[in-house]
Amino acid sequence: MLTFLVDAAHAMGGLPTEGGGGGSAILGMLPFILMFLVLYLLILRPQIKKQKTHQKMIDELKKGDQVVTSGGIHGVVANIKDDVVVLKIADNVKVDLSRSAVSSVKGNTGEASS
């Protein structure tokens, strides 16, 4: 009688068999793998791409470019030194900014004023 109950439990998947648990571990991890893949494709990958294009824009800054800073200040690049951009925002008004503070480039005015 006891053998009959053990065989019935095996048939219903109640008792584990020897060495047969390998496939269920991978199956158990599948939802986490799929969630990470979706997270990567929808969030991480576009953010990395946006960072690369912003870094490229900052690296290509030159004198005379019209820029907008992250604080909303519009101006013309008067000079560039290492990580500092000198921005002309009005006549006789120049501001030193970090390169990373430049959020967009609107164009080149052709001015090479210093």
PDB file of N, CA and C in Angstrom:
ATOM      1  N   MET A   1       0.813  -1.183   0.000  1.00  0.00           N
ATOM      2  CA  MET A   1       0.000   0.000   0.000  1.00  0.00           C
ATOM      3  C   MET A   1       0.859   1.250   0.000  1.00  0.00           C
ATOM      4  N   LEU A   2       1.924   1.250   0.773  1.00  0.00           N
ATOM      5  CA  LEU A   2       2.808   2.397   0.848  1.00  0.00           C
ATOM      6  C   LEU A   2       3.484   2.653  -0.498  1.00  0.00           C
ATOM      7  N   THR A   3       3.865   1.594  -1.186  1.00  0.00           N
ATOM      8  CA  THR A   3       4.470   1.735  -2.506  1.00  0.00           C
ATOM      9  C   THR A   3       3.501   2.378  -3.483  1.00  0.00           C
ATOM     10  N   PHE A   4       2.258   2.031  -3.382  1.00  0.00           N
ATOM     11  CA  PHE A   4       1.238   2.613  -4.259  1.00  0.00           C
ATOM     12  C   PHE A   4       1.116   4.110  -4.025  1.00  0.00           C
ATOM     13  N   LEU A   5       1.176   4.583  -2.780  1.00  0.00           N
ATOM     14  CA  LEU A   5       1.078   6.017  -2.472  1.00  0.00           C
ATOM     15  C   LEU A   5       2.312   6.777  -2.965  1.00  0.00           C
ATOM     16  N   VAL A   6       3.478   6.181  -2.830  1.00  0.00           N
ATOM     17  CA  VAL A   6       4.712   6.817  -3.307  1.00  0.00           C
ATOM     18  C   VAL A   6       4.684   6.933  -4.823  1.00  0.00           C
ATOM     19  N   ASP A   7       4.222   5.862  -5.520  1.00  0.00           N
ATOM     20  CA  ASP A   7       4.117   5.917  -6.983  1.00  0.00           C
ATOM     21  C   ASP A   7       3.101   6.971  -7.432  1.00  0.00           C
ATOM     22  N   ALA A   8       2.026   7.117  -6.704  1.00  0.00           N
ATOM     23  CA  ALA A   8       1.019   8.137  -7.038  1.00  0.00           C
ATOM     24  C   ALA A   8       1.584   9.530  -6.833  1.00  0.00           C
ATOM     25  N   ALA A   9       2.379   9.727  -5.799  1.00  0.00           N
ATOM     26  CA  ALA A   9       2.994  11.033  -5.545  1.00  0.00           C
ATOM     27  C   ALA A   9       3.987  11.385  -6.649  1.00  0.00           C
ATOM     28  N   HIS A  10       4.731  10.392  -7.142  1.00  0.00           N
ATOM     29  CA  HIS A  10       5.656  10.618  -8.260  1.00  0.00           C
ATOM     30  C   HIS A  10       4.890  11.023  -9.511  1.00  0.00           C
ATOM     31  N   ALA A  11       3.768  10.371  -9.739  1.00  0.00           N
ATOM     32  CA  ALA A  11       2.988  10.656 -10.931  1.00  0.00           C
ATOM     33  C   ALA A  11       2.417  12.067 -10.901  1.00  0.00           C
ATOM     34  N   MET A  12       2.117  12.580  -9.723  1.00  0.00           N
ATOM     35  CA  MET A  12       1.570  13.933  -9.607  1.00  0.00           C
ATOM     36  C   MET A  12       2.670  14.987  -9.471  1.00  0.00           C
ATOM     37  N   GLY A  13       3.897  14.584  -9.436  1.00  0.00           N
ATOM     38  CA  GLY A  13       5.011  15.531  -9.333  1.00  0.00           C
ATOM     39  C   GLY A  13       5.274  15.976  -7.913  1.00  0.00           C
ATOM     40  N   GLY A  14       4.836  15.247  -6.937  1.00  0.00           N
ATOM     41  CA  GLY A  14       4.975  15.647  -5.545  1.00  0.00           C
ATOM     42  C   GLY A  14       6.344  15.398  -4.976  1.00  0.00           C
ATOM     43  N   LEU A  15       6.966  14.292  -5.324  1.00  0.00           N
ATOM     44  CA  LEU A  15       8.269  13.956  -4.776  1.00  0.00           C
ATOM     45  C   LEU A  15       9.339  14.134  -5.845  1.00  0.00           C
ATOM     46  N   PRO A  16      10.445  14.746  -5.501  1.00  0.00           N
ATOM     47  CA  PRO A  16      11.503  14.942  -6.499  1.00  0.00           C
ATOM     48  C   PRO A  16      12.186  13.631  -6.851  1.00  0.00           C
ATOM     49  N   THR A  17      12.614  13.529  -8.076  1.00  0.00           N
ATOM     50  CA  THR A  17      13.362  12.354  -8.502  1.00  0.00           C
ATOM     51  C   THR A  17      14.840  12.647  -8.386  1.00  0.00           C
ATOM     52  N   GLU A  18      15.656  11.642  -8.347  1.00  0.00           N
ATOM     53  CA  GLU A  18      17.093  11.829  -8.197  1.00  0.00           C
ATOM     54  C   GLU A  18      17.683  12.446  -9.458  1.00  0.00           C
ATOM     55  N   GLY A  19      18.404  13.593  -9.293  1.00  0.00           N
ATOM     56  CA  GLY A  19      19.104  14.213 -10.417  1.00  0.00           C
ATOM     57  C   GLY A  19      18.194  14.874 -11.433  1.00  0.00           C
ATOM     58  N   GLY A  20      16.925  15.044 -11.142  1.00  0.00           N
ATOM     59  CA  GLY A  20      16.013  15.611 -12.130  1.00  0.00           C
ATOM     60  C   GLY A  20      15.605  17.042 -11.830  1.00  0.00           C
ATOM     61  N   GLY A  21      16.330  17.790 -10.987  1.00  0.00           N
ATOM     62  CA  GLY A  21      15.931  19.146 -10.623  1.00  0.00           C
ATOM     63  C   GLY A  21      16.619  20.227 -11.423  1.00  0.00           C
ATOM     64  N   GLY A  22      17.457  19.890 -12.389  1.00  0.00           N
ATOM     65  CA  GLY A  22      18.234  20.889 -13.126  1.00  0.00           C
ATOM     66  C   GLY A  22      17.402  21.781 -14.022  1.00  0.00           C
ATOM     67  N   GLY A  23      16.433  21.248 -14.665  1.00  0.00           N
ATOM     68  CA  GLY A  23      15.622  22.032 -15.590  1.00  0.00           C
ATOM     69  C   GLY A  23      14.728  23.027 -14.882  1.00  0.00           C
ATOM     70  N   SER A  24      14.262  22.697 -13.696  1.00  0.00           N
ATOM     71  CA  SER A  24      13.362  23.595 -12.989  1.00  0.00           C
ATOM     72  C   SER A  24      14.093  24.821 -12.446  1.00  0.00           C
ATOM     73  N   ALA A  25      15.385  24.724 -12.174  1.00  0.00           N
ATOM     74  CA  ALA A  25      16.146  25.882 -11.705  1.00  0.00           C
ATOM     75  C   ALA A  25      16.245  26.930 -12.800  1.00  0.00           C
ATOM     76  N   ILE A  26      16.504  26.521 -14.018  1.00  0.00           N
ATOM     77  CA  ILE A  26      16.580  27.453 -15.141  1.00  0.00           C
ATOM     78  C   ILE A  26      15.203  28.045 -15.406  1.00  0.00           C
ATOM     79  N   LEU A  27      14.190  27.211 -15.308  1.00  0.00           N
ATOM     80  CA  LEU A  27      12.821  27.667 -15.508  1.00  0.00           C
ATOM     81  C   LEU A  27      12.419  28.661 -14.427  1.00  0.00           C
ATOM     82  N   GLY A  28      12.906  28.474 -13.229  1.00  0.00           N
ATOM     83  CA  GLY A  28      12.623  29.396 -12.136  1.00  0.00           C
ATOM     84  C   GLY A  28      13.301  30.741 -12.319  1.00  0.00           C
ATOM     85  N   MET A  29      14.442  30.774 -12.967  1.00  0.00           N
ATOM     86  CA  MET A  29      15.181  32.017 -13.208  1.00  0.00           C
ATOM     87  C   MET A  29      14.688  32.761 -14.443  1.00  0.00           C
ATOM     88  N   LEU A  30      13.916  32.108 -15.282  1.00  0.00           N
ATOM     89  CA  LEU A  30      13.463  32.702 -16.542  1.00  0.00           C
ATOM     90  C   LEU A  30      12.719  34.026 -16.358  1.00  0.00           C
ATOM     91  N   PRO A  31      11.812  34.176 -15.403  1.00  0.00           N
ATOM     92  CA  PRO A  31      11.144  35.475 -15.231  1.00  0.00           C
ATOM     93  C   PRO A  31      12.119  36.606 -14.895  1.00  0.00           C
ATOM     94  N   PHE A  32      13.123  36.319 -14.076  1.00  0.00           N
ATOM     95  CA  PHE A  32      14.110  37.337 -13.723  1.00  0.00           C
ATOM     96  C   PHE A  32      14.964  37.722 -14.928  1.00  0.00           C
ATOM     97  N   ILE A  33      15.319  36.747 -15.729  1.00  0.00           N
ATOM     98  CA  ILE A  33      16.102  37.008 -16.942  1.00  0.00           C
ATOM     99  C   ILE A  33      15.281  37.859 -17.917  1.00  0.00           C
ATOM    100  N   LEU A  34      14.016  37.520 -18.069  1.00  0.00           N
ATOM    101  CA  LEU A  34      13.149  38.292 -18.962  1.00  0.00           C
ATOM    102  C   LEU A  34      12.937  39.720 -18.451  1.00  0.00           C
ATOM    103  N   MET A  35      12.780  39.889 -17.129  1.00  0.00           N
ATOM    104  CA  MET A  35      12.614  41.236 -16.568  1.00  0.00           C
ATOM    105  C   MET A  35      13.874  42.068 -16.783  1.00  0.00           C
ATOM    106  N   PHE A  36      15.048  41.467 -16.599  1.00  0.00           N
ATOM    107  CA  PHE A  36      16.292  42.195 -16.821  1.00  0.00           C
ATOM    108  C   PHE A  36      16.428  42.590 -18.292  1.00  0.00           C
ATOM    109  N   LEU A  37      16.055  41.704 -19.189  1.00  0.00           N
ATOM    110  CA  LEU A  37      16.124  41.990 -20.616  1.00  0.00           C
ATOM    111  C   LEU A  37      15.200  43.147 -20.990  1.00  0.00           C
ATOM    112  N   VAL A  38      14.000  43.144 -20.480  1.00  0.00           N
ATOM    113  CA  VAL A  38      13.062  44.240 -20.748  1.00  0.00           C
ATOM    114  C   VAL A  38      13.581  45.541 -20.151  1.00  0.00           C
ATOM    115  N   LEU A  39      14.096  45.489 -18.932  1.00  0.00           N
ATOM    116  CA  LEU A  39      14.668  46.663 -18.284  1.00  0.00           C
ATOM    117  C   LEU A  39      15.811  47.233 -19.119  1.00  0.00           C
ATOM    118  N   TYR A  40      16.665  46.373 -19.610  1.00  0.00           N
ATOM    119  CA  TYR A  40      17.795  46.810 -20.425  1.00  0.00           C
ATOM    120  C   TYR A  40      17.317  47.464 -21.720  1.00  0.00           C
ATOM    121  N   LEU A  41      16.390  46.812 -22.410  1.00  0.00           N
ATOM    122  CA  LEU A  41      15.953  47.316 -23.710  1.00  0.00           C
ATOM    123  C   LEU A  41      15.130  48.597 -23.611  1.00  0.00           C
ATOM    124  N   LEU A  42      14.317  48.735 -22.588  1.00  0.00           N
ATOM    125  CA  LEU A  42      13.432  49.888 -22.486  1.00  0.00           C
ATOM    126  C   LEU A  42      14.004  51.061 -21.704  1.00  0.00           C
ATOM    127  N   ILE A  43      14.927  50.798 -20.784  1.00  0.00           N
ATOM    128  CA  ILE A  43      15.420  51.884 -19.938  1.00  0.00           C
ATOM    129  C   ILE A  43      16.917  52.111 -20.071  1.00  0.00           C
ATOM    130  N   LEU A  44      17.708  51.087 -19.851  1.00  0.00           N
ATOM    131  CA  LEU A  44      19.157  51.278 -19.800  1.00  0.00           C
ATOM    132  C   LEU A  44      19.768  51.623 -21.152  1.00  0.00           C
ATOM    133  N   ARG A  45      19.397  50.912 -22.189  1.00  0.00           N
ATOM    134  CA  ARG A  45      19.998  51.128 -23.506  1.00  0.00           C
ATOM    135  C   ARG A  45      19.731  52.539 -24.046  1.00  0.00           C
ATOM    136  N   PRO A  46      18.481  53.054 -23.994  1.00  0.00           N
ATOM    137  CA  PRO A  46      18.259  54.434 -24.461  1.00  0.00           C
ATOM    138  C   PRO A  46      19.005  55.466 -23.617  1.00  0.00           C
ATOM    139  N   GLN A  47      19.114  55.232 -22.305  1.00  0.00           N
ATOM    140  CA  GLN A  47      19.827  56.170 -21.454  1.00  0.00           C
ATOM    141  C   GLN A  47      21.316  56.205 -21.791  1.00  0.00           C
ATOM    142  N   ILE A  48      21.905  55.054 -22.039  1.00  0.00           N
ATOM    143  CA  ILE A  48      23.319  54.994 -22.413  1.00  0.00           C
ATOM    144  C   ILE A  48      23.540  55.708 -23.748  1.00  0.00           C
ATOM    145  N   LYS A  49      22.627  55.500 -24.697  1.00  0.00           N
ATOM    146  CA  LYS A  49      22.734  56.156 -26.000  1.00  0.00           C
ATOM    147  C   LYS A  49      22.629  57.676 -25.852  1.00  0.00           C
ATOM    148  N   LYS A  50      21.718  58.139 -24.990  1.00  0.00           N
ATOM    149  CA  LYS A  50      21.545  59.572 -24.762  1.00  0.00           C
ATOM    150  C   LYS A  50      22.809  60.166 -24.134  1.00  0.00           C
ATOM    151  N   GLN A  51      23.411  59.439 -23.189  1.00  0.00           N
ATOM    152  CA  GLN A  51      24.642  59.909 -22.560  1.00  0.00           C
ATOM    153  C   GLN A  51      25.774  60.031 -23.574  1.00  0.00           C
ATOM    154  N   LYS A  52      25.874  59.060 -24.478  1.00  0.00           N
ATOM    155  CA  LYS A  52      26.943  59.089 -25.483  1.00  0.00           C
ATOM    156  C   LYS A  52      26.766  60.270 -26.429  1.00  0.00           C
ATOM    157  N   THR A  53      25.533  60.552 -26.865  1.00  0.00           N
ATOM    158  CA  THR A  53      25.318  61.684 -27.773  1.00  0.00           C
ATOM    159  C   THR A  53      25.575  63.007 -27.061  1.00  0.00           C
ATOM    160  N   HIS A  54      25.209  63.112 -25.769  1.00  0.00           N
ATOM    161  CA  HIS A  54      25.481  64.336 -25.013  1.00  0.00           C
ATOM    162  C   HIS A  54      26.978  64.535 -24.838  1.00  0.00           C
ATOM    163  N   GLN A  55      27.704  63.459 -24.531  1.00  0.00           N
ATOM    164  CA  GLN A  55      29.161  63.557 -24.376  1.00  0.00           C
ATOM    165  C   GLN A  55      29.817  63.958 -25.687  1.00  0.00           C
ATOM    166  N   LYS A  56      29.343  63.413 -26.808  1.00  0.00           N
ATOM    167  CA  LYS A  56      29.886  63.769 -28.118  1.00  0.00           C
ATOM    168  C   LYS A  56      29.642  65.247 -28.410  1.00  0.00           C
ATOM    169  N   MET A  57      28.443  65.750 -28.076  1.00  0.00           N
ATOM    170  CA  MET A  57      28.126  67.155 -28.287  1.00  0.00           C
ATOM    171  C   MET A  57      29.043  68.047 -27.453  1.00  0.00           C
ATOM    172  N   ILE A  58      29.290  67.659 -26.208  1.00  0.00           N
ATOM    173  CA  ILE A  58      30.163  68.452 -25.344  1.00  0.00           C
ATOM    174  C   ILE A  58      31.601  68.436 -25.861  1.00  0.00           C
ATOM    175  N   ASP A  59      32.050  67.285 -26.343  1.00  0.00           N
ATOM    176  CA  ASP A  59      33.415  67.185 -26.862  1.00  0.00           C
ATOM    177  C   ASP A  59      33.611  68.013 -28.123  1.00  0.00           C
ATOM    178  N   GLU A  60      32.550  68.235 -28.900  1.00  0.00           N
ATOM    179  CA  GLU A  60      32.647  68.962 -30.164  1.00  0.00           C
ATOM    180  C   GLU A  60      32.358  70.460 -30.024  1.00  0.00           C
ATOM    181  N   LEU A  61      32.222  70.966 -28.787  1.00  0.00           N
ATOM    182  CA  LEU A  61      31.996  72.399 -28.596  1.00  0.00           C
ATOM    183  C   LEU A  61      33.159  73.202 -29.142  1.00  0.00           C
ATOM    184  N   LYS A  62      32.839  74.356 -29.739  1.00  0.00           N
ATOM    185  CA  LYS A  62      33.896  75.236 -30.241  1.00  0.00           C
ATOM    186  C   LYS A  62      33.468  76.683 -30.085  1.00  0.00           C
ATOM    187  N   LYS A  63      34.425  77.584 -30.249  1.00  0.00           N
ATOM    188  CA  LYS A  63      34.147  79.012 -30.149  1.00  0.00           C
ATOM    189  C   LYS A  63      33.063  79.414 -31.134  1.00  0.00           C
ATOM    190  N   GLY A  64      32.152  80.258 -30.669  1.00  0.00           N
ATOM    191  CA  GLY A  64      31.107  80.762 -31.547  1.00  0.00           C
ATOM    192  C   GLY A  64      29.827  79.953 -31.540  1.00  0.00           C
ATOM    193  N   ASP A  65      29.812  78.807 -30.886  1.00  0.00           N
ATOM    194  CA  ASP A  65      28.596  77.994 -30.809  1.00  0.00           C
ATOM    195  C   ASP A  65      27.573  78.667 -29.900  1.00  0.00           C
ATOM    196  N   GLN A  66      26.320  78.716 -30.344  1.00  0.00           N
ATOM    197  CA  GLN A  66      25.233  79.172 -29.487  1.00  0.00           C
ATOM    198  C   GLN A  66      24.767  77.978 -28.675  1.00  0.00           C
ATOM    199  N   VAL A  67      24.751  78.134 -27.356  1.00  0.00           N
ATOM    200  CA  VAL A  67      24.409  77.017 -26.493  1.00  0.00           C
ATOM    201  C   VAL A  67      23.345  77.422 -25.487  1.00  0.00           C
ATOM    202  N   VAL A  68      22.713  76.413 -24.912  1.00  0.00           N
ATOM    203  CA  VAL A  68      21.780  76.582 -23.801  1.00  0.00           C
ATOM    204  C   VAL A  68      22.299  75.717 -22.668  1.00  0.00           C
ATOM    205  N   THR A  69      22.389  76.299 -21.469  1.00  0.00           N
ATOM    206  CA  THR A  69      22.894  75.542 -20.323  1.00  0.00           C
ATOM    207  C   THR A  69      21.751  74.794 -19.655  1.00  0.00           C
ATOM    208  N   SER A  70      22.097  73.917 -18.729  1.00  0.00           N
ATOM    209  CA  SER A  70      21.075  73.165 -18.002  1.00  0.00           C
ATOM    210  C   SER A  70      20.240  74.076 -17.116  1.00  0.00           C
ATOM    211  N   GLY A  71      20.743  75.269 -16.815  1.00  0.00           N
ATOM    212  CA  GLY A  71      19.986  76.245 -16.034  1.00  0.00           C
ATOM    213  C   GLY A  71      19.125  77.146 -16.891  1.00  0.00           C
ATOM    214  N   GLY A  72      19.194  76.982 -18.213  1.00  0.00           N
ATOM    215  CA  GLY A  72      18.364  77.766 -19.111  1.00  0.00           C
ATOM    216  C   GLY A  72      19.013  79.046 -19.625  1.00  0.00           C
ATOM    217  N   ILE A  73      20.287  79.224 -19.386  1.00  0.00           N
ATOM    218  CA  ILE A  73      20.983  80.422 -19.855  1.00  0.00           C
ATOM    219  C   ILE A  73      21.410  80.223 -21.300  1.00  0.00           C
ATOM    220  N   HIS A  74      21.070  81.188 -22.151  1.00  0.00           N
ATOM    221  CA  HIS A  74      21.462  81.161 -23.557  1.00  0.00           C
ATOM    222  C   HIS A  74      22.682  82.048 -23.721  1.00  0.00           C
ATOM    223  N   GLY A  75      23.637  81.584 -24.519  1.00  0.00           N
ATOM    224  CA  GLY A  75      24.823  82.379 -24.750  1.00  0.00           C
ATOM    225  C   GLY A  75      25.662  81.821 -25.874  1.00  0.00           C
ATOM    226  N   VAL A  76      26.797  82.486 -26.104  1.00  0.00           N
ATOM    227  CA  VAL A  76      27.730  82.099 -27.159  1.00  0.00           C
ATOM    228  C   VAL A  76      29.042  81.711 -26.500  1.00  0.00           C
ATOM    229  N   VAL A  77      29.625  80.600 -26.941  1.00  0.00           N
ATOM    230  CA  VAL A  77      30.888  80.143 -26.384  1.00  0.00           C
ATOM    231  C   VAL A  77      31.985  81.115 -26.804  1.00  0.00           C
ATOM    232  N   ALA A  78      32.638  81.735 -25.805  1.00  0.00           N
ATOM    233  CA  ALA A  78      33.714  82.681 -26.073  1.00  0.00           C
ATOM    234  C   ALA A  78      35.077  82.010 -25.995  1.00  0.00           C
ATOM    235  N   ASN A  79      35.203  81.008 -25.132  1.00  0.00           N
ATOM    236  CA  ASN A  79      36.488  80.341 -24.956  1.00  0.00           C
ATOM    237  C   ASN A  79      36.252  78.981 -24.293  1.00  0.00           C
ATOM    238  N   ILE A  80      37.155  78.058 -24.540  1.00  0.00           N
ATOM    239  CA  ILE A  80      37.067  76.730 -23.924  1.00  0.00           C
ATOM    240  C   ILE A  80      38.428  76.392 -23.331  1.00  0.00           C
ATOM    241  N   LYS A  81      38.432  76.044 -22.040  1.00  0.00           N
ATOM    242  CA  LYS A  81      39.650  75.618 -21.358  1.00  0.00           C
ATOM    243  C   LYS A  81      39.344  74.313 -20.639  1.00  0.00           C
ATOM    244  N   ASP A  82      40.011  73.263 -20.981  1.00  0.00           N
ATOM    245  CA  ASP A  82      39.839  71.941 -20.359  1.00  0.00           C
ATOM    246  C   ASP A  82      38.364  71.614 -20.110  1.00  0.00           C
ATOM    247  N   ASP A  83      37.920  71.682 -18.842  1.00  0.00           N
ATOM    248  CA  ASP A  83      36.534  71.365 -18.497  1.00  0.00           C
ATOM    249  C   ASP A  83      35.691  72.607 -18.244  1.00  0.00           C
ATOM    250  N   VAL A  84      36.221  73.791 -18.595  1.00  0.00           N
ATOM    251  CA  VAL A  84      35.506  75.044 -18.355  1.00  0.00           C
ATOM    252  C   VAL A  84      35.184  75.704 -19.687  1.00  0.00           C
ATOM    253  N   VAL A  85      33.932  76.174 -19.804  1.00  0.00           N
ATOM    254  CA  VAL A  85      33.488  76.900 -20.987  1.00  0.00           C
ATOM    255  C   VAL A  85      33.193  78.329 -20.554  1.00  0.00           C
ATOM    256  N   VAL A  86      33.787  79.302 -21.267  1.00  0.00           N
ATOM    257  CA  VAL A  86      33.490  80.703 -21.007  1.00  0.00           C
ATOM    258  C   VAL A  86      32.344  81.075 -21.943  1.00  0.00           C
ATOM    259  N   LEU A  87      31.221  81.462 -21.355  1.00  0.00           N
ATOM    260  CA  LEU A  87      30.011  81.738 -22.113  1.00  0.00           C
ATOM    261  C   LEU A  87      29.711  83.227 -22.068  1.00  0.00           C
ATOM    262  N   LYS A  88      29.562  83.830 -23.251  1.00  0.00           N
ATOM    263  CA  LYS A  88      29.207  85.244 -23.343  1.00  0.00           C
ATOM    264  C   LYS A  88      27.686  85.313 -23.404  1.00  0.00           C
ATOM    265  N   ILE A  89      27.072  85.927 -22.353  1.00  0.00           N
ATOM    266  CA  ILE A  89      25.620  85.980 -22.307  1.00  0.00           C
ATOM    267  C   ILE A  89      25.073  87.368 -22.618  1.00  0.00           C
ATOM    268  N   ALA A  90      25.933  88.384 -22.608  1.00  0.00           N
ATOM    269  CA  ALA A  90      25.553  89.757 -22.977  1.00  0.00           C
ATOM    270  C   ALA A  90      26.842  90.519 -23.250  1.00  0.00           C
ATOM    271  N   ASP A  91      26.703  91.768 -23.698  1.00  0.00           N
ATOM    272  CA  ASP A  91      27.895  92.582 -23.936  1.00  0.00           C
ATOM    273  C   ASP A  91      28.650  92.759 -22.627  1.00  0.00           C
ATOM    274  N   ASN A  92      29.938  92.465 -22.657  1.00  0.00           N
ATOM    275  CA  ASN A  92      30.833  92.570 -21.502  1.00  0.00           C
ATOM    276  C   ASN A  92      30.407  91.697 -20.318  1.00  0.00           C
ATOM    277  N   VAL A  93      29.631  90.642 -20.557  1.00  0.00           N
ATOM    278  CA  VAL A  93      29.237  89.713 -19.493  1.00  0.00           C
ATOM    279  C   VAL A  93      29.623  88.302 -19.927  1.00  0.00           C
ATOM    280  N   LYS A  94      30.585  87.740 -19.211  1.00  0.00           N
ATOM    281  CA  LYS A  94      31.027  86.377 -19.501  1.00  0.00           C
ATOM    282  C   LYS A  94      30.927  85.544 -18.232  1.00  0.00           C
ATOM    283  N   VAL A  95      30.540  84.290 -18.406  1.00  0.00           N
ATOM    284  CA  VAL A  95      30.346  83.390 -17.273  1.00  0.00           C
ATOM    285  C   VAL A  95      31.154  82.122 -17.520  1.00  0.00           C
ATOM    286  N   ASP A  96      31.853  81.660 -16.485  1.00  0.00           N
ATOM    287  CA  ASP A  96      32.573  80.393 -16.566  1.00  0.00           C
ATOM    288  C   ASP A  96      31.625  79.274 -16.139  1.00  0.00           C
ATOM    289  N   LEU A  97      31.531  78.253 -16.972  1.00  0.00           N
ATOM    290  CA  LEU A  97      30.660  77.116 -16.692  1.00  0.00           C
ATOM    291  C   LEU A  97      31.426  75.817 -16.864  1.00  0.00           C
ATOM    292  N   SER A  98      30.955  74.805 -16.213  1.00  0.00           N
ATOM    293  CA  SER A  98      31.477  73.468 -16.449  1.00  0.00           C
ATOM    294  C   SER A  98      30.952  72.987 -17.799  1.00  0.00           C
ATOM    295  N   ARG A  99      31.756  72.226 -18.524  1.00  0.00           N
ATOM    296  CA  ARG A  99      31.305  71.696 -19.826  1.00  0.00           C
ATOM    297  C   ARG A  99      30.017  70.900 -19.691  1.00  0.00           C
ATOM    298  N   SER A 100      29.883  70.170 -18.596  1.00  0.00           N
ATOM    299  CA  SER A 100      28.703  69.323 -18.422  1.00  0.00           C
ATOM    300  C   SER A 100      27.429  70.130 -18.209  1.00  0.00           C
ATOM    301  N   ALA A 101      27.546  71.430 -17.926  1.00  0.00           N
ATOM    302  CA  ALA A 101      26.370  72.280 -17.741  1.00  0.00           C
ATOM    303  C   ALA A 101      25.719  72.660 -19.068  1.00  0.00           C
ATOM    304  N   VAL A 102      26.413  72.444 -20.185  1.00  0.00           N
ATOM    305  CA  VAL A 102      25.845  72.743 -21.497  1.00  0.00           C
ATOM    306  C   VAL A 102      24.882  71.621 -21.854  1.00  0.00           C
ATOM    307  N   SER A 103      23.609  71.991 -22.076  1.00  0.00           N
ATOM    308  CA  SER A 103      22.623  70.950 -22.361  1.00  0.00           C
ATOM    309  C   SER A 103      22.339  70.801 -23.842  1.00  0.00           C
ATOM    310  N   SER A 104      22.481  71.880 -24.629  1.00  0.00           N
ATOM    311  CA  SER A 104      22.264  71.752 -26.075  1.00  0.00           C
ATOM    312  C   SER A 104      23.011  72.834 -26.835  1.00  0.00           C
ATOM    313  N   VAL A 105      23.291  72.527 -28.089  1.00  0.00           N
ATOM    314  CA  VAL A 105      23.943  73.483 -28.985  1.00  0.00           C
ATOM    315  C   VAL A 105      22.914  73.865 -30.043  1.00  0.00           C
ATOM    316  N   LYS A 106      22.672  75.175 -30.189  1.00  0.00           N
ATOM    317  CA  LYS A 106      21.671  75.654 -31.144  1.00  0.00           C
ATOM    318  C   LYS A 106      22.276  75.916 -32.519  1.00  0.00           C
ATOM    319  N   GLY A 107      23.556  76.196 -32.579  1.00  0.00           N
ATOM    320  CA  GLY A 107      24.201  76.467 -33.861  1.00  0.00           C
ATOM    321  C   GLY A 107      25.489  77.231 -33.659  1.00  0.00           C
ATOM    322  N   ASN A 108      26.069  77.709 -34.775  1.00  0.00           N
ATOM    323  CA  ASN A 108      27.312  78.458 -34.742  1.00  0.00           C
ATOM    324  C   ASN A 108      27.030  79.844 -35.287  1.00  0.00           C
ATOM    325  N   THR A 109      27.387  80.870 -34.515  1.00  0.00           N
ATOM    326  CA  THR A 109      27.155  82.239 -34.948  1.00  0.00           C
ATOM    327  C   THR A 109      28.246  82.745 -35.864  1.00  0.00           C
ATOM    328  N   GLY A 110      29.364  82.059 -35.867  1.00  0.00           N
ATOM    329  CA  GLY A 110      30.491  82.513 -36.669  1.00  0.00           C
ATOM    330  C   GLY A 110      31.357  83.519 -35.939  1.00  0.00           C
ATOM    331  N   GLU A 111      30.924  83.938 -34.747  1.00  0.00           N
ATOM    332  CA  GLU A 111      31.706  84.881 -33.959  1.00  0.00           C
ATOM    333  C   GLU A 111      32.892  84.167 -33.345  1.00  0.00           C
ATOM    334  N   ALA A 112      34.001  84.834 -33.349  1.00  0.00           N
ATOM    335  CA  ALA A 112      35.200  84.280 -32.708  1.00  0.00           C
ATOM    336  C   ALA A 112      35.701  85.294 -31.700  1.00  0.00           C
ATOM    337  N   SER A 113      34.778  85.965 -31.004  1.00  0.00           N
ATOM    338  CA  SER A 113      35.158  86.981 -30.031  1.00  0.00           C
ATOM    339  C   SER A 113      35.721  86.325 -28.790  1.00  0.00           C
ATOM    340  N   SER A 114      36.613  87.047 -28.104  1.00  0.00           N
ATOM    341  CA  SER A 114      37.234  86.467 -26.916  1.00  0.00           C
ATOM    342  C   SER A 114      36.903  87.196 -25.675  1.00  0.00           C
TER     343      SER A 114
END
